[in-house]
Amino acid sequence: MAEDRRTILKVLTSVLGTGAAAAIAGPALQAVLSPLGKVTVSGSGGWVPVCNLEAVPEDGGPVNVQVVVAEPKDAWTKMPPTTVGAVFLMKKAGKVVAYSTVCPHLGCGIDYQPAAGQFACPCHESSFDAEGRVAAGPSPRGMDELETEIKDGAVHVRFMKFKIGSAEKVPA
């Protein structure tokens, strides 16, 4: 009879121990793995307000505007407003167009040269026309155009980063 009691106690202890371990392991695994599915601050892919519509020149010339995510979340961290990049905004045919300031060749920063009326990468001599198309140099594609929308008098950009060195526009 003592053997039966010991066997029952062993089984009961094993079952309760396994249940307690599972009760702890489930939430612990969820906490560790949950950041894998979250979008990080590096390239949100979401709509970000960048400036008031009045800040974009009526003459069609570009204006360089910083892209600041108001409350970025990266894994478990909630951060203060963070600059994640920049865009050139221009008014064309009654709408606002946005181009990334990142050169598709090797990721350098693109500048605008008003005297020439074109964009240029100072690092590897790529240049782009006012429509963002490659005018000269090693860039494998034109400047990356980003989606824009106007809400309550503010320009919003769907900010994304793209793979550099590729002839196709592929999200990074």
N, C-alpha and C. Protein backbone atom coordinates (compact mmCIF):
# COMPACT_ATOMS: atom_id res chain seq x y z
N MET A 1 0.81 -1.19 0.00
CA MET A 1 0.00 0.00 0.00
C MET A 1 0.86 1.27 0.00
N ALA A 2 2.01 1.22 0.69
CA ALA A 2 2.91 2.36 0.73
C ALA A 2 3.48 2.63 -0.66
N GLU A 3 3.71 1.53 -1.44
CA GLU A 3 4.21 1.70 -2.80
C GLU A 3 3.17 2.40 -3.66
N ASP A 4 1.91 2.07 -3.49
CA ASP A 4 0.85 2.71 -4.27
C ASP A 4 0.77 4.20 -3.96
N ARG A 5 0.92 4.54 -2.67
CA ARG A 5 0.89 5.95 -2.28
C ARG A 5 2.06 6.72 -2.87
N ARG A 6 3.25 6.12 -2.86
CA ARG A 6 4.43 6.77 -3.42
C ARG A 6 4.27 6.97 -4.93
N THR A 7 3.73 5.99 -5.60
CA THR A 7 3.52 6.10 -7.04
C THR A 7 2.53 7.21 -7.35
N ILE A 8 1.46 7.29 -6.59
CA ILE A 8 0.46 8.34 -6.78
C ILE A 8 1.10 9.71 -6.52
N LEU A 9 1.90 9.83 -5.46
CA LEU A 9 2.56 11.10 -5.15
C LEU A 9 3.56 11.49 -6.24
N LYS A 10 4.29 10.52 -6.81
CA LYS A 10 5.23 10.80 -7.89
C LYS A 10 4.50 11.33 -9.13
N VAL A 11 3.42 10.65 -9.49
CA VAL A 11 2.64 11.06 -10.67
C VAL A 11 2.02 12.44 -10.43
N LEU A 12 1.44 12.64 -9.26
CA LEU A 12 0.82 13.92 -8.94
C LEU A 12 1.85 15.05 -8.94
N THR A 13 3.04 14.82 -8.39
CA THR A 13 4.10 15.82 -8.38
C THR A 13 4.56 16.13 -9.80
N SER A 14 4.69 15.12 -10.64
CA SER A 14 5.10 15.33 -12.03
C SER A 14 4.07 16.14 -12.80
N VAL A 15 2.81 15.82 -12.61
CA VAL A 15 1.74 16.54 -13.32
C VAL A 15 1.69 17.99 -12.86
N LEU A 16 1.74 18.23 -11.56
CA LEU A 16 1.70 19.60 -11.05
C LEU A 16 2.94 20.39 -11.46
N GLY A 17 4.11 19.76 -11.44
CA GLY A 17 5.35 20.43 -11.85
C GLY A 17 5.33 20.81 -13.33
N THR A 18 4.83 19.88 -14.16
CA THR A 18 4.73 20.16 -15.60
C THR A 18 3.75 21.30 -15.85
N GLY A 19 2.63 21.29 -15.15
CA GLY A 19 1.63 22.37 -15.31
C GLY A 19 2.19 23.72 -14.89
N ALA A 20 2.92 23.75 -13.78
CA ALA A 20 3.51 25.02 -13.31
C ALA A 20 4.56 25.52 -14.31
N ALA A 21 5.38 24.61 -14.85
CA ALA A 21 6.39 25.02 -15.83
C ALA A 21 5.73 25.56 -17.09
N ALA A 22 4.65 24.92 -17.54
CA ALA A 22 3.94 25.39 -18.74
C ALA A 22 3.30 26.75 -18.49
N ALA A 23 2.77 26.95 -17.28
CA ALA A 23 2.14 28.24 -16.96
C ALA A 23 3.15 29.38 -16.98
N ILE A 24 4.39 29.09 -16.67
CA ILE A 24 5.44 30.11 -16.68
C ILE A 24 6.05 30.24 -18.07
N ALA A 25 6.28 29.12 -18.74
CA ALA A 25 6.96 29.12 -20.04
C ALA A 25 6.13 29.80 -21.13
N GLY A 26 4.82 29.62 -21.13
CA GLY A 26 3.97 30.21 -22.17
C GLY A 26 4.11 31.72 -22.24
N PRO A 27 3.80 32.43 -21.17
CA PRO A 27 3.95 33.90 -21.20
C PRO A 27 5.39 34.36 -21.40
N ALA A 28 6.36 33.60 -20.86
CA ALA A 28 7.76 33.98 -21.03
C ALA A 28 8.16 33.91 -22.50
N LEU A 29 7.77 32.83 -23.17
CA LEU A 29 8.06 32.72 -24.61
C LEU A 29 7.37 33.80 -25.40
N GLN A 30 6.12 34.11 -25.06
CA GLN A 30 5.39 35.17 -25.76
C GLN A 30 6.10 36.52 -25.60
N ALA A 31 6.58 36.81 -24.40
CA ALA A 31 7.27 38.07 -24.16
C ALA A 31 8.58 38.15 -24.93
N VAL A 32 9.28 37.04 -25.04
CA VAL A 32 10.56 37.02 -25.75
C VAL A 32 10.36 37.10 -27.26
N LEU A 33 9.34 36.42 -27.77
CA LEU A 33 9.14 36.34 -29.22
C LEU A 33 8.28 37.46 -29.80
N SER A 34 7.54 38.19 -29.00
CA SER A 34 6.61 39.21 -29.53
C SER A 34 7.29 40.31 -30.35
N PRO A 35 8.52 40.75 -30.04
CA PRO A 35 9.14 41.80 -30.87
C PRO A 35 9.40 41.37 -32.31
N LEU A 36 9.46 40.07 -32.56
CA LEU A 36 9.74 39.61 -33.93
C LEU A 36 8.68 40.07 -34.92
N GLY A 37 7.45 40.22 -34.48
CA GLY A 37 6.38 40.63 -35.39
C GLY A 37 6.13 42.13 -35.42
N LYS A 38 6.91 42.91 -34.70
CA LYS A 38 6.67 44.35 -34.64
C LYS A 38 7.51 45.09 -35.67
N VAL A 39 6.95 46.19 -36.17
CA VAL A 39 7.68 47.06 -37.09
C VAL A 39 8.60 47.95 -36.26
N THR A 40 9.84 48.07 -36.67
CA THR A 40 10.79 48.88 -35.91
C THR A 40 10.85 50.29 -36.46
N VAL A 41 11.60 51.13 -35.79
CA VAL A 41 11.68 52.54 -36.14
C VAL A 41 12.46 52.78 -37.44
N SER A 42 13.25 51.82 -37.89
CA SER A 42 14.13 52.07 -39.03
C SER A 42 13.39 52.34 -40.34
N GLY A 43 12.27 51.75 -40.55
CA GLY A 43 11.53 51.98 -41.78
C GLY A 43 10.09 51.64 -41.55
N SER A 44 9.35 52.58 -41.07
CA SER A 44 8.05 52.27 -40.54
C SER A 44 7.07 51.72 -41.56
N GLY A 45 7.10 52.23 -42.79
CA GLY A 45 6.11 51.80 -43.77
C GLY A 45 4.74 52.40 -43.50
N GLY A 46 4.62 53.19 -42.45
CA GLY A 46 3.35 53.81 -42.11
C GLY A 46 3.32 55.27 -42.54
N TRP A 47 2.17 55.87 -42.40
CA TRP A 47 2.00 57.28 -42.77
C TRP A 47 2.58 58.17 -41.69
N VAL A 48 3.44 59.10 -42.10
CA VAL A 48 4.09 60.01 -41.16
C VAL A 48 3.84 61.45 -41.64
N PRO A 49 3.28 62.31 -40.77
CA PRO A 49 3.13 63.72 -41.16
C PRO A 49 4.52 64.37 -41.19
N VAL A 50 4.83 65.07 -42.30
CA VAL A 50 6.17 65.64 -42.43
C VAL A 50 6.21 67.17 -42.42
N CYS A 51 5.14 67.83 -42.90
CA CYS A 51 5.12 69.29 -42.88
C CYS A 51 3.73 69.78 -43.29
N ASN A 52 3.53 71.08 -43.14
CA ASN A 52 2.30 71.70 -43.62
C ASN A 52 2.37 71.84 -45.14
N LEU A 53 1.24 71.79 -45.79
CA LEU A 53 1.18 71.90 -47.24
C LEU A 53 1.79 73.22 -47.72
N GLU A 54 1.63 74.30 -46.93
CA GLU A 54 2.17 75.61 -47.32
C GLU A 54 3.70 75.61 -47.40
N ALA A 55 4.37 74.66 -46.74
CA ALA A 55 5.84 74.61 -46.75
C ALA A 55 6.39 74.10 -48.08
N VAL A 56 5.54 73.50 -48.91
CA VAL A 56 5.99 72.99 -50.21
C VAL A 56 5.84 74.10 -51.23
N PRO A 57 6.93 74.51 -51.89
CA PRO A 57 6.88 75.64 -52.83
C PRO A 57 5.89 75.42 -53.98
N GLU A 58 5.19 76.48 -54.32
CA GLU A 58 4.22 76.44 -55.43
C GLU A 58 4.91 76.33 -56.78
N ASP A 59 6.17 76.77 -56.88
CA ASP A 59 6.87 76.78 -58.17
C ASP A 59 7.36 75.41 -58.63
N GLY A 60 7.11 74.37 -57.85
CA GLY A 60 7.52 73.02 -58.24
C GLY A 60 8.92 72.64 -57.80
N GLY A 61 9.62 73.58 -57.18
CA GLY A 61 10.97 73.29 -56.68
C GLY A 61 10.90 72.39 -55.46
N PRO A 62 11.93 71.57 -55.25
CA PRO A 62 11.90 70.65 -54.12
C PRO A 62 12.28 71.31 -52.80
N VAL A 63 11.73 70.76 -51.73
CA VAL A 63 12.11 71.16 -50.38
C VAL A 63 12.49 69.87 -49.65
N ASN A 64 13.62 69.91 -48.94
CA ASN A 64 14.10 68.76 -48.18
C ASN A 64 13.47 68.81 -46.79
N VAL A 65 12.76 67.74 -46.41
CA VAL A 65 12.03 67.71 -45.15
C VAL A 65 12.42 66.45 -44.37
N GLN A 66 12.69 66.63 -43.09
CA GLN A 66 13.00 65.49 -42.22
C GLN A 66 11.73 64.66 -41.95
N VAL A 67 11.89 63.35 -41.84
CA VAL A 67 10.79 62.46 -41.49
C VAL A 67 11.00 62.09 -40.02
N VAL A 68 10.09 62.56 -39.18
CA VAL A 68 10.19 62.34 -37.74
C VAL A 68 8.99 61.51 -37.28
N VAL A 69 9.26 60.34 -36.73
CA VAL A 69 8.21 59.49 -36.18
C VAL A 69 7.96 59.98 -34.76
N ALA A 70 6.70 60.35 -34.46
CA ALA A 70 6.37 60.97 -33.17
C ALA A 70 6.63 60.08 -31.97
N GLU A 71 6.15 58.85 -31.98
CA GLU A 71 6.34 57.93 -30.85
C GLU A 71 6.76 56.56 -31.38
N PRO A 72 8.00 56.43 -31.85
CA PRO A 72 8.40 55.13 -32.38
C PRO A 72 8.50 54.08 -31.29
N LYS A 73 8.18 52.86 -31.67
CA LYS A 73 8.31 51.72 -30.75
C LYS A 73 9.24 50.74 -31.42
N ASP A 74 10.26 50.32 -30.69
CA ASP A 74 11.22 49.36 -31.19
C ASP A 74 11.33 48.25 -30.15
N ALA A 75 10.76 47.10 -30.46
CA ALA A 75 10.67 45.99 -29.51
C ALA A 75 9.88 46.45 -28.29
N TRP A 76 10.50 46.49 -27.12
CA TRP A 76 9.77 46.88 -25.91
C TRP A 76 9.93 48.36 -25.60
N THR A 77 10.74 49.06 -26.35
CA THR A 77 11.08 50.43 -26.03
C THR A 77 10.19 51.43 -26.75
N LYS A 78 9.61 52.35 -26.01
CA LYS A 78 8.86 53.47 -26.59
C LYS A 78 9.80 54.67 -26.51
N MET A 79 10.10 55.27 -27.69
CA MET A 79 11.11 56.31 -27.74
C MET A 79 10.51 57.70 -27.95
N PRO A 80 11.29 58.73 -27.70
CA PRO A 80 10.84 60.10 -28.00
C PRO A 80 10.85 60.30 -29.51
N PRO A 81 10.33 61.40 -30.01
CA PRO A 81 10.34 61.64 -31.45
C PRO A 81 11.72 61.39 -32.05
N THR A 82 11.74 60.64 -33.16
CA THR A 82 13.00 60.20 -33.76
C THR A 82 13.01 60.47 -35.26
N THR A 83 14.08 61.07 -35.75
CA THR A 83 14.24 61.29 -37.19
C THR A 83 14.67 59.97 -37.82
N VAL A 84 13.89 59.48 -38.79
CA VAL A 84 14.19 58.21 -39.44
C VAL A 84 14.68 58.38 -40.87
N GLY A 85 14.66 59.61 -41.37
CA GLY A 85 15.12 59.86 -42.73
C GLY A 85 14.69 61.24 -43.20
N ALA A 86 14.73 61.43 -44.52
CA ALA A 86 14.33 62.70 -45.12
C ALA A 86 13.77 62.44 -46.51
N VAL A 87 12.98 63.39 -46.98
CA VAL A 87 12.40 63.30 -48.32
C VAL A 87 12.46 64.67 -48.99
N PHE A 88 12.45 64.63 -50.32
CA PHE A 88 12.26 65.85 -51.10
C PHE A 88 10.78 65.90 -51.46
N LEU A 89 10.12 67.03 -51.19
CA LEU A 89 8.72 67.22 -51.56
C LEU A 89 8.64 68.27 -52.66
N MET A 90 7.78 68.01 -53.65
CA MET A 90 7.57 68.95 -54.75
C MET A 90 6.10 68.91 -55.15
N LYS A 91 5.60 70.05 -55.60
CA LYS A 91 4.24 70.09 -56.14
C LYS A 91 4.32 69.90 -57.65
N LYS A 92 3.57 68.90 -58.14
CA LYS A 92 3.53 68.62 -59.57
C LYS A 92 2.09 68.33 -59.97
N ALA A 93 1.61 69.06 -60.95
CA ALA A 93 0.26 68.85 -61.49
C ALA A 93 -0.79 68.78 -60.39
N GLY A 94 -0.69 69.69 -59.45
CA GLY A 94 -1.70 69.79 -58.40
C GLY A 94 -1.57 68.80 -57.26
N LYS A 95 -0.55 67.95 -57.27
CA LYS A 95 -0.37 67.04 -56.14
C LYS A 95 1.06 67.13 -55.62
N VAL A 96 1.27 66.60 -54.42
CA VAL A 96 2.59 66.62 -53.81
C VAL A 96 3.27 65.28 -54.07
N VAL A 97 4.50 65.36 -54.56
CA VAL A 97 5.30 64.18 -54.85
C VAL A 97 6.46 64.14 -53.86
N ALA A 98 6.79 62.94 -53.39
CA ALA A 98 7.91 62.77 -52.45
C ALA A 98 8.92 61.79 -53.01
N TYR A 99 10.21 62.17 -52.90
CA TYR A 99 11.31 61.29 -53.28
C TYR A 99 12.21 61.09 -52.08
N SER A 100 12.67 59.87 -51.89
CA SER A 100 13.62 59.57 -50.82
C SER A 100 14.94 60.28 -51.11
N THR A 101 15.61 60.70 -50.06
CA THR A 101 16.92 61.34 -50.22
C THR A 101 18.06 60.32 -50.24
N VAL A 102 17.73 59.04 -50.18
CA VAL A 102 18.74 57.98 -50.17
C VAL A 102 19.03 57.54 -51.61
N CYS A 103 20.29 57.59 -52.00
CA CYS A 103 20.69 57.19 -53.35
C CYS A 103 20.53 55.67 -53.51
N PRO A 104 19.85 55.23 -54.56
CA PRO A 104 19.66 53.79 -54.79
C PRO A 104 20.95 53.04 -55.10
N HIS A 105 22.02 53.76 -55.40
CA HIS A 105 23.28 53.11 -55.74
C HIS A 105 23.91 52.46 -54.50
N LEU A 106 24.34 53.28 -53.55
CA LEU A 106 24.99 52.75 -52.35
C LEU A 106 24.47 53.37 -51.05
N GLY A 107 23.36 54.10 -51.12
CA GLY A 107 22.74 54.62 -49.91
C GLY A 107 23.25 55.96 -49.42
N CYS A 108 24.02 56.67 -50.22
CA CYS A 108 24.50 58.00 -49.82
C CYS A 108 23.33 59.00 -49.85
N GLY A 109 23.54 60.17 -49.29
CA GLY A 109 22.51 61.21 -49.28
C GLY A 109 22.50 62.01 -50.58
N ILE A 110 21.33 62.17 -51.15
CA ILE A 110 21.18 62.93 -52.39
C ILE A 110 20.93 64.39 -52.04
N ASP A 111 21.56 65.30 -52.81
CA ASP A 111 21.36 66.74 -52.66
C ASP A 111 20.63 67.28 -53.89
N TYR A 112 20.08 68.49 -53.74
CA TYR A 112 19.48 69.15 -54.89
C TYR A 112 20.40 70.28 -55.33
N GLN A 113 20.66 70.36 -56.63
CA GLN A 113 21.50 71.42 -57.19
C GLN A 113 20.60 72.37 -57.98
N PRO A 114 20.21 73.50 -57.37
CA PRO A 114 19.28 74.41 -58.02
C PRO A 114 19.79 74.98 -59.34
N ALA A 115 21.08 75.26 -59.44
CA ALA A 115 21.62 75.83 -60.68
C ALA A 115 21.44 74.88 -61.85
N ALA A 116 21.61 73.58 -61.59
CA ALA A 116 21.47 72.58 -62.65
C ALA A 116 20.03 72.08 -62.76
N GLY A 117 19.22 72.35 -61.75
CA GLY A 117 17.83 71.88 -61.75
C GLY A 117 17.73 70.37 -61.65
N GLN A 118 18.69 69.76 -60.93
CA GLN A 118 18.66 68.31 -60.81
C GLN A 118 19.15 67.87 -59.43
N PHE A 119 18.93 66.60 -59.14
CA PHE A 119 19.39 66.00 -57.89
C PHE A 119 20.73 65.31 -58.18
N ALA A 120 21.60 65.25 -57.16
CA ALA A 120 22.90 64.63 -57.37
C ALA A 120 23.37 63.93 -56.11
N CYS A 121 24.03 62.81 -56.31
CA CYS A 121 24.69 62.10 -55.23
C CYS A 121 26.16 62.50 -55.27
N PRO A 122 26.66 63.17 -54.25
CA PRO A 122 28.03 63.65 -54.28
C PRO A 122 29.09 62.55 -54.16
N CYS A 123 28.70 61.37 -53.75
CA CYS A 123 29.67 60.31 -53.51
C CYS A 123 30.15 59.61 -54.79
N HIS A 124 29.21 59.25 -55.67
CA HIS A 124 29.58 58.42 -56.81
C HIS A 124 29.09 58.99 -58.13
N GLU A 125 28.79 60.29 -58.14
CA GLU A 125 28.46 61.04 -59.34
C GLU A 125 27.20 60.59 -60.07
N SER A 126 26.24 60.01 -59.34
CA SER A 126 24.94 59.76 -59.94
C SER A 126 24.17 61.07 -59.92
N SER A 127 23.40 61.32 -60.96
CA SER A 127 22.52 62.49 -60.95
C SER A 127 21.16 62.07 -61.47
N PHE A 128 20.16 62.84 -61.06
CA PHE A 128 18.76 62.52 -61.35
C PHE A 128 18.06 63.78 -61.83
N ASP A 129 17.17 63.63 -62.80
CA ASP A 129 16.44 64.80 -63.29
C ASP A 129 15.33 65.18 -62.31
N ALA A 130 14.58 66.21 -62.64
CA ALA A 130 13.53 66.71 -61.75
C ALA A 130 12.41 65.70 -61.52
N GLU A 131 12.33 64.68 -62.37
CA GLU A 131 11.32 63.62 -62.22
C GLU A 131 11.87 62.43 -61.44
N GLY A 132 13.13 62.53 -60.97
CA GLY A 132 13.74 61.47 -60.20
C GLY A 132 14.38 60.37 -61.04
N ARG A 133 14.38 60.52 -62.37
CA ARG A 133 14.99 59.52 -63.25
C ARG A 133 16.50 59.69 -63.28
N VAL A 134 17.21 58.58 -63.50
CA VAL A 134 18.67 58.63 -63.58
C VAL A 134 19.08 59.45 -64.80
N ALA A 135 19.91 60.47 -64.58
CA ALA A 135 20.43 61.29 -65.68
C ALA A 135 21.85 60.86 -66.03
N ALA A 136 22.61 60.45 -65.02
CA ALA A 136 24.00 60.01 -65.24
C ALA A 136 24.47 59.25 -64.02
N GLY A 137 25.52 58.45 -64.22
CA GLY A 137 26.16 57.77 -63.10
C GLY A 137 25.76 56.33 -62.93
N PRO A 138 26.26 55.72 -61.86
CA PRO A 138 26.08 54.29 -61.66
C PRO A 138 24.78 53.85 -60.97
N SER A 139 23.91 54.77 -60.61
CA SER A 139 22.69 54.36 -59.90
C SER A 139 21.89 53.38 -60.76
N PRO A 140 21.47 52.24 -60.19
CA PRO A 140 20.76 51.24 -60.97
C PRO A 140 19.29 51.58 -61.25
N ARG A 141 18.76 52.58 -60.55
CA ARG A 141 17.36 52.99 -60.77
C ARG A 141 17.23 54.45 -60.39
N GLY A 142 16.08 55.02 -60.70
CA GLY A 142 15.81 56.40 -60.32
C GLY A 142 15.57 56.53 -58.83
N MET A 143 15.36 57.77 -58.40
CA MET A 143 15.08 58.04 -56.99
C MET A 143 13.79 57.33 -56.60
N ASP A 144 13.72 56.87 -55.36
CA ASP A 144 12.55 56.14 -54.89
C ASP A 144 11.43 57.12 -54.54
N GLU A 145 10.33 57.01 -55.29
CA GLU A 145 9.17 57.85 -55.01
C GLU A 145 8.35 57.20 -53.90
N LEU A 146 7.87 58.01 -52.98
CA LEU A 146 7.07 57.54 -51.85
C LEU A 146 5.65 58.07 -51.98
N GLU A 147 4.70 57.31 -51.45
CA GLU A 147 3.30 57.73 -51.50
C GLU A 147 3.08 58.94 -50.59
N THR A 148 2.21 59.84 -51.02
CA THR A 148 1.86 61.01 -50.21
C THR A 148 0.35 61.15 -50.14
N GLU A 149 -0.11 61.84 -49.11
CA GLU A 149 -1.51 62.22 -49.00
C GLU A 149 -1.58 63.50 -48.16
N ILE A 150 -2.62 64.25 -48.39
CA ILE A 150 -2.84 65.49 -47.65
C ILE A 150 -4.00 65.27 -46.69
N LYS A 151 -3.76 65.54 -45.40
CA LYS A 151 -4.80 65.41 -44.37
C LYS A 151 -4.76 66.66 -43.52
N ASP A 152 -5.89 67.33 -43.42
CA ASP A 152 -6.00 68.52 -42.56
C ASP A 152 -4.88 69.53 -42.81
N GLY A 153 -4.52 69.74 -44.07
CA GLY A 153 -3.52 70.73 -44.42
C GLY A 153 -2.08 70.30 -44.20
N ALA A 154 -1.87 69.03 -43.85
CA ALA A 154 -0.51 68.53 -43.62
C ALA A 154 -0.18 67.46 -44.67
N VAL A 155 1.08 67.44 -45.06
CA VAL A 155 1.56 66.42 -46.01
C VAL A 155 2.00 65.20 -45.20
N HIS A 156 1.44 64.05 -45.56
CA HIS A 156 1.81 62.78 -44.93
C HIS A 156 2.52 61.93 -45.98
N VAL A 157 3.57 61.26 -45.57
CA VAL A 157 4.35 60.40 -46.47
C VAL A 157 4.35 58.99 -45.89
N ARG A 158 4.14 58.01 -46.78
CA ARG A 158 4.31 56.61 -46.36
C ARG A 158 5.80 56.32 -46.49
N PHE A 159 6.48 56.47 -45.36
CA PHE A 159 7.95 56.39 -45.37
C PHE A 159 8.41 54.94 -45.35
N MET A 160 9.27 54.61 -46.31
CA MET A 160 9.85 53.27 -46.41
C MET A 160 11.30 53.40 -46.87
N LYS A 161 12.07 52.39 -46.58
CA LYS A 161 13.42 52.30 -47.10
C LYS A 161 13.45 51.14 -48.09
N PHE A 162 14.31 51.28 -49.12
CA PHE A 162 14.38 50.29 -50.17
C PHE A 162 15.78 49.73 -50.29
N LYS A 163 15.87 48.54 -50.84
CA LYS A 163 17.14 47.86 -51.02
C LYS A 163 18.02 48.68 -51.96
N ILE A 164 19.26 48.92 -51.54
CA ILE A 164 20.18 49.68 -52.39
C ILE A 164 20.94 48.72 -53.30
N GLY A 165 21.42 49.27 -54.43
CA GLY A 165 22.20 48.48 -55.36
C GLY A 165 21.38 47.58 -56.26
N SER A 166 20.06 47.69 -56.20
CA SER A 166 19.17 46.83 -56.98
C SER A 166 18.46 47.66 -58.05
N ALA A 167 18.29 47.08 -59.23
CA ALA A 167 17.60 47.78 -60.31
C ALA A 167 16.10 47.87 -60.03
N GLU A 168 15.59 47.00 -59.17
CA GLU A 168 14.17 47.03 -58.82
C GLU A 168 13.97 47.67 -57.45
N LYS A 169 12.84 48.31 -57.31
CA LYS A 169 12.49 48.99 -56.07
C LYS A 169 11.89 47.95 -55.11
N VAL A 170 12.74 47.42 -54.22
CA VAL A 170 12.33 46.37 -53.30
C VAL A 170 12.43 46.91 -51.88
N PRO A 171 11.34 46.81 -51.09
CA PRO A 171 11.42 47.29 -49.71
C PRO A 171 12.53 46.59 -48.93
N ALA A 172 13.24 47.36 -48.11
CA ALA A 172 14.34 46.79 -47.32
C ALA A 172 13.81 46.18 -46.05
